[in-house]
Amino acid sequence: MRFHHIGIPTTEPREGETYSAASKLFITDIDSHPYRVEWLRFEEGSPMPELIQTVPHVAFAVSDLEEAIEGKVVLIPPKVTAAGHTIAFIVEGGAPIEFVQVSDSEDCR
């Protein structure tokens, strides 16, 4: 497991954000930020859990997503994102934690 990015909810529009209609979410690209910050701006009525909408999360790259979430409190079960990554969120100590499944050849800085 290694650091992948940090996600921070915001109410301010950010340069370069893209829109996900399914999630009612504007999101920035972590690869365009020097510290891999992902800004998340939610529209009213977003189906995303309130915890994701209100509390920053840290994301870790893992090679086996199912193993990473085994026995954990799963907030968002594994799903494929628009970018083609398989992700899942758990809750640990009241905070959301994201796991991103990557191949061994992917660089996460």
Protein backbone atom coordinates (compact mmCIF):
# COMPACT_ATOMS: atom_id res chain seq x y z
CA MET A 1 0.00 0.00 0.00
CA ARG A 2 1.32 3.45 -0.89
CA PHE A 3 0.01 7.02 -0.97
CA HIS A 4 -2.03 7.81 -4.08
CA HIS A 5 -3.77 11.14 -3.40
CA ILE A 6 -5.74 13.24 -0.95
CA GLY A 7 -9.30 14.31 -1.69
CA ILE A 8 -10.62 17.56 -0.25
CA PRO A 9 -14.27 18.62 -0.45
CA THR A 10 -14.77 22.23 -1.51
CA THR A 11 -17.58 24.58 -2.46
CA GLU A 12 -15.38 26.70 -4.75
CA PRO A 13 -14.99 25.96 -8.47
CA ARG A 14 -11.43 24.93 -9.39
CA GLU A 15 -9.56 25.31 -12.64
CA GLY A 16 -9.55 22.15 -14.72
CA GLU A 17 -12.35 20.35 -12.89
CA THR A 18 -14.45 17.84 -14.79
CA TYR A 19 -18.04 16.85 -14.15
CA SER A 20 -19.50 13.46 -13.30
CA ALA A 21 -23.26 13.54 -13.91
CA ALA A 22 -23.80 10.18 -12.18
CA SER A 23 -22.22 11.47 -8.96
CA LYS A 24 -23.27 15.13 -9.35
CA LEU A 25 -19.63 15.92 -8.72
CA PHE A 26 -16.99 18.26 -10.08
CA ILE A 27 -13.51 16.80 -9.61
CA THR A 28 -9.95 17.88 -10.40
CA ASP A 29 -7.18 15.72 -11.85
CA ILE A 30 -4.67 14.57 -9.24
CA ASP A 31 -1.94 14.28 -11.85
CA SER A 32 -2.11 18.02 -12.53
CA HIS A 33 -1.47 18.93 -8.88
CA PRO A 34 2.10 18.78 -7.49
CA TYR A 35 0.92 17.17 -4.23
CA ARG A 36 -1.76 14.96 -5.81
CA VAL A 37 -4.66 16.89 -4.31
CA GLU A 38 -8.09 16.05 -5.69
CA TRP A 39 -10.66 18.80 -5.14
CA LEU A 40 -14.27 17.54 -4.94
CA ARG A 41 -17.23 19.90 -5.40
CA PHE A 42 -20.66 18.33 -5.03
CA GLU A 43 -23.98 19.50 -6.44
CA GLU A 44 -27.08 19.42 -4.29
CA GLY A 45 -28.60 15.97 -4.40
CA SER A 46 -25.31 14.15 -5.02
CA PRO A 47 -25.71 10.44 -4.28
CA MET A 48 -22.23 10.30 -2.77
CA PRO A 49 -22.15 9.56 0.98
CA GLU A 50 -22.22 12.64 3.21
CA LEU A 51 -18.92 11.60 4.78
CA ILE A 52 -17.20 11.87 1.37
CA GLN A 53 -18.88 15.22 0.74
CA THR A 54 -17.80 16.75 4.06
CA VAL A 55 -14.58 15.10 5.28
CA PRO A 56 -11.25 14.96 3.40
CA HIS A 57 -10.03 11.50 2.49
CA VAL A 58 -6.65 9.95 1.83
CA ALA A 59 -6.27 7.39 -0.93
CA PHE A 60 -3.83 4.52 -1.12
CA ALA A 61 -2.80 2.50 -4.15
CA VAL A 62 -3.18 -1.24 -3.63
CA SER A 63 -2.58 -4.23 -5.85
CA ASP A 64 -5.53 -6.22 -4.43
CA LEU A 65 -8.61 -4.13 -3.66
CA GLU A 66 -10.68 -7.00 -2.26
CA GLU A 67 -7.89 -7.87 0.17
CA ALA A 68 -7.55 -4.21 1.23
CA ILE A 69 -11.23 -3.89 2.19
CA GLU A 70 -11.67 -7.34 3.71
CA GLY A 71 -13.05 -7.05 7.25
CA LYS A 72 -13.38 -3.26 6.99
CA VAL A 73 -16.45 -1.02 7.24
CA VAL A 74 -17.13 -0.43 3.54
CA LEU A 75 -18.59 2.98 2.69
CA ILE A 76 -18.52 2.57 -1.11
CA PRO A 77 -18.04 -0.95 -2.48
CA PRO A 78 -15.65 -1.54 -5.38
CA LYS A 79 -16.61 0.27 -8.56
CA VAL A 80 -14.95 1.36 -11.78
CA THR A 81 -14.54 5.11 -12.20
CA ALA A 82 -14.89 7.12 -15.41
CA ALA A 83 -11.07 7.14 -15.56
CA GLY A 84 -11.07 3.33 -15.56
CA HIS A 85 -9.74 2.81 -12.03
CA THR A 86 -11.34 0.37 -9.62
CA ILE A 87 -11.85 2.06 -6.25
CA ALA A 88 -13.53 1.48 -2.91
CA PHE A 89 -13.97 3.55 0.25
CA ILE A 90 -13.89 2.36 3.84
CA VAL A 91 -14.43 4.18 7.12
CA GLU A 92 -11.59 4.16 9.63
CA GLY A 93 -11.77 6.19 12.84
CA GLY A 94 -14.72 8.15 11.48
CA ALA A 95 -12.87 9.24 8.32
CA PRO A 96 -13.16 8.00 4.74
CA ILE A 97 -10.21 6.11 3.28
CA GLU A 98 -10.05 5.29 -0.43
CA PHE A 99 -8.25 2.39 -2.03
CA VAL A 100 -7.33 2.52 -5.72
CA GLN A 101 -6.40 -0.75 -7.38
CA VAL A 102 -3.30 -0.33 -9.54
CA SER A 103 -0.97 -2.62 -11.40
CA ASP A 104 2.60 -2.97 -10.16
CA SER A 105 3.78 -0.90 -13.14
CA GLU A 106 1.68 2.19 -12.30
CA ASP A 107 3.53 5.09 -10.71
CA CYS A 108 1.84 6.79 -7.77
CA ARG A 109 4.78 9.07 -6.95
